[in-house]
Amino acid sequence: MEEYMLPCLTKKFLGIECFGCGTQRALLLLFKGEFKAAFLMFPAIYTLLLFLGFVSLNFIDKSRNYHKIIVGLGITNAIIMVVSYFIKHF
């Protein structure tokens, strides 16, 4: 399965990891049931999945307003990604 993963173009062309590096590997670890390893690979994996779940729920259920939750999860996800990036590299 790992041989079919998309390469990170930022890492390939610039030699540095992007803020989302590790997302595909973390998802693969989740599918294998390795929840702690997935978190250590990409700490924002769980908030990202919640974010994507609420975005898709927003498209399906038009009667409810999910915008505040989506914005909150988006901000939380961005903060986790930035903090984990700097912890990993500095």
C-alpha atoms as a PDB file:
ATOM      1  CA  MET A   1       0.000   0.000   0.000  1.00  0.00           C
ATOM      2  CA  GLU A   2       2.841   2.408   0.806  1.00  0.00           C
ATOM      3  CA  GLU A   3       4.236   2.228  -2.721  1.00  0.00           C
ATOM      4  CA  TYR A   4       1.020   3.863  -4.020  1.00  0.00           C
ATOM      5  CA  MET A   5       1.255   6.960  -1.802  1.00  0.00           C
ATOM      6  CA  LEU A   6       1.643  10.366  -3.394  1.00  0.00           C
ATOM      7  CA  PRO A   7       5.023  12.024  -2.839  1.00  0.00           C
ATOM      8  CA  CYS A   8       5.246  15.385  -1.068  1.00  0.00           C
ATOM      9  CA  LEU A   9       6.157  17.860  -3.800  1.00  0.00           C
ATOM     10  CA  THR A  10       7.509  20.383  -1.301  1.00  0.00           C
ATOM     11  CA  LYS A  11       9.877  17.796   0.117  1.00  0.00           C
ATOM     12  CA  LYS A  12      10.785  16.514  -3.342  1.00  0.00           C
ATOM     13  CA  PHE A  13      11.574  19.880  -4.937  1.00  0.00           C
ATOM     14  CA  LEU A  14      12.601  22.054  -1.989  1.00  0.00           C
ATOM     15  CA  GLY A  15      13.997  19.431   0.364  1.00  0.00           C
ATOM     16  CA  ILE A  16      11.835  20.477   3.334  1.00  0.00           C
ATOM     17  CA  GLU A  17       8.718  18.897   4.750  1.00  0.00           C
ATOM     18  CA  CYS A  18       5.398  20.708   4.463  1.00  0.00           C
ATOM     19  CA  PHE A  19       2.861  21.151   7.267  1.00  0.00           C
ATOM     20  CA  GLY A  20       0.878  18.153   6.015  1.00  0.00           C
ATOM     21  CA  CYS A  21       3.739  15.696   5.657  1.00  0.00           C
ATOM     22  CA  GLY A  22       2.808  12.426   7.294  1.00  0.00           C
ATOM     23  CA  THR A  23      -0.939  12.602   6.651  1.00  0.00           C
ATOM     24  CA  GLN A  24      -1.045   9.649   4.255  1.00  0.00           C
ATOM     25  CA  ARG A  25       1.182   7.519   6.468  1.00  0.00           C
ATOM     26  CA  ALA A  26      -0.927   8.427   9.525  1.00  0.00           C
ATOM     27  CA  LEU A  27      -4.110   7.392   7.693  1.00  0.00           C
ATOM     28  CA  LEU A  28      -2.481   4.104   6.750  1.00  0.00           C
ATOM     29  CA  LEU A  29      -1.510   3.552  10.392  1.00  0.00           C
ATOM     30  CA  LEU A  30      -5.115   4.277  11.421  1.00  0.00           C
ATOM     31  CA  PHE A  31      -6.381   1.666   8.964  1.00  0.00           C
ATOM     32  CA  LYS A  32      -3.932  -0.806  10.520  1.00  0.00           C
ATOM     33  CA  GLY A  33      -5.264   0.039  13.988  1.00  0.00           C
ATOM     34  CA  GLU A  34      -2.091   1.707  15.230  1.00  0.00           C
ATOM     35  CA  PHE A  35      -3.732   4.781  16.778  1.00  0.00           C
ATOM     36  CA  LYS A  36      -0.816   6.028  18.882  1.00  0.00           C
ATOM     37  CA  ALA A  37       1.641   5.645  15.996  1.00  0.00           C
ATOM     38  CA  ALA A  38      -0.753   7.576  13.743  1.00  0.00           C
ATOM     39  CA  PHE A  39      -0.886  10.421  16.257  1.00  0.00           C
ATOM     40  CA  LEU A  40       2.894  10.468  16.587  1.00  0.00           C
ATOM     41  CA  MET A  41       3.269  10.481  12.789  1.00  0.00           C
ATOM     42  CA  PHE A  42       0.834  13.382  12.276  1.00  0.00           C
ATOM     43  CA  PRO A  43      -0.696  14.848  15.457  1.00  0.00           C
ATOM     44  CA  ALA A  44      -3.502  16.640  13.612  1.00  0.00           C
ATOM     45  CA  ILE A  45      -4.914  13.418  12.136  1.00  0.00           C
ATOM     46  CA  TYR A  46      -7.875  13.154  14.500  1.00  0.00           C
ATOM     47  CA  THR A  47      -8.923  16.792  14.253  1.00  0.00           C
ATOM     48  CA  LEU A  48      -8.489  16.568  10.488  1.00  0.00           C
ATOM     49  CA  LEU A  49     -10.862  13.606  10.320  1.00  0.00           C
ATOM     50  CA  LEU A  50     -13.388  15.431  12.514  1.00  0.00           C
ATOM     51  CA  PHE A  51     -13.043  18.505  10.293  1.00  0.00           C
ATOM     52  CA  LEU A  52     -13.621  16.495   7.113  1.00  0.00           C
ATOM     53  CA  GLY A  53     -16.549  14.701   8.747  1.00  0.00           C
ATOM     54  CA  PHE A  54     -18.286  17.965   9.620  1.00  0.00           C
ATOM     55  CA  VAL A  55     -17.570  19.437   6.177  1.00  0.00           C
ATOM     56  CA  SER A  56     -19.220  16.438   4.523  1.00  0.00           C
ATOM     57  CA  LEU A  57     -22.064  16.563   7.058  1.00  0.00           C
ATOM     58  CA  ASN A  58     -22.553  20.221   6.118  1.00  0.00           C
ATOM     59  CA  PHE A  59     -23.076  19.190   2.486  1.00  0.00           C
ATOM     60  CA  ILE A  60     -25.462  16.369   3.385  1.00  0.00           C
ATOM     61  CA  ASP A  61     -27.562  18.050   6.095  1.00  0.00           C
ATOM     62  CA  LYS A  62     -28.541  21.508   4.863  1.00  0.00           C
ATOM     63  CA  SER A  63     -31.051  22.078   7.690  1.00  0.00           C
ATOM     64  CA  ARG A  64     -28.361  22.586  10.365  1.00  0.00           C
ATOM     65  CA  ASN A  65     -25.601  25.160  10.526  1.00  0.00           C
ATOM     66  CA  TYR A  66     -22.162  23.590  11.051  1.00  0.00           C
ATOM     67  CA  HIS A  67     -20.110  26.643  10.121  1.00  0.00           C
ATOM     68  CA  LYS A  68     -18.970  27.503  13.669  1.00  0.00           C
ATOM     69  CA  ILE A  69     -17.841  23.925  14.280  1.00  0.00           C
ATOM     70  CA  ILE A  70     -16.051  23.790  10.920  1.00  0.00           C
ATOM     71  CA  VAL A  71     -14.247  27.077  11.530  1.00  0.00           C
ATOM     72  CA  GLY A  72     -13.296  26.030  15.063  1.00  0.00           C
ATOM     73  CA  LEU A  73     -11.966  22.668  13.920  1.00  0.00           C
ATOM     74  CA  GLY A  74     -10.127  24.318  11.027  1.00  0.00           C
ATOM     75  CA  ILE A  75      -8.381  26.758  13.359  1.00  0.00           C
ATOM     76  CA  THR A  76      -7.601  23.992  15.870  1.00  0.00           C
ATOM     77  CA  ASN A  77      -6.236  21.803  13.100  1.00  0.00           C
ATOM     78  CA  ALA A  78      -4.046  24.601  11.735  1.00  0.00           C
ATOM     79  CA  ILE A  79      -2.635  25.363  15.194  1.00  0.00           C
ATOM     80  CA  ILE A  80      -1.828  21.694  15.830  1.00  0.00           C
ATOM     81  CA  MET A  81      -0.143  21.404  12.428  1.00  0.00           C
ATOM     82  CA  VAL A  82       2.011  24.505  12.931  1.00  0.00           C
ATOM     83  CA  VAL A  83       3.002  23.632  16.507  1.00  0.00           C
ATOM     84  CA  SER A  84       3.863  20.021  15.631  1.00  0.00           C
ATOM     85  CA  TYR A  85       5.854  21.192  12.594  1.00  0.00           C
ATOM     86  CA  PHE A  86       8.005  23.488  14.737  1.00  0.00           C
ATOM     87  CA  ILE A  87       8.418  20.875  17.458  1.00  0.00           C
ATOM     88  CA  LYS A  88       9.546  18.346  14.853  1.00  0.00           C
ATOM     89  CA  HIS A  89      12.060  20.651  13.171  1.00  0.00           C
ATOM     90  CA  PHE A  90      13.348  23.017  15.847  1.00  0.00           C
END
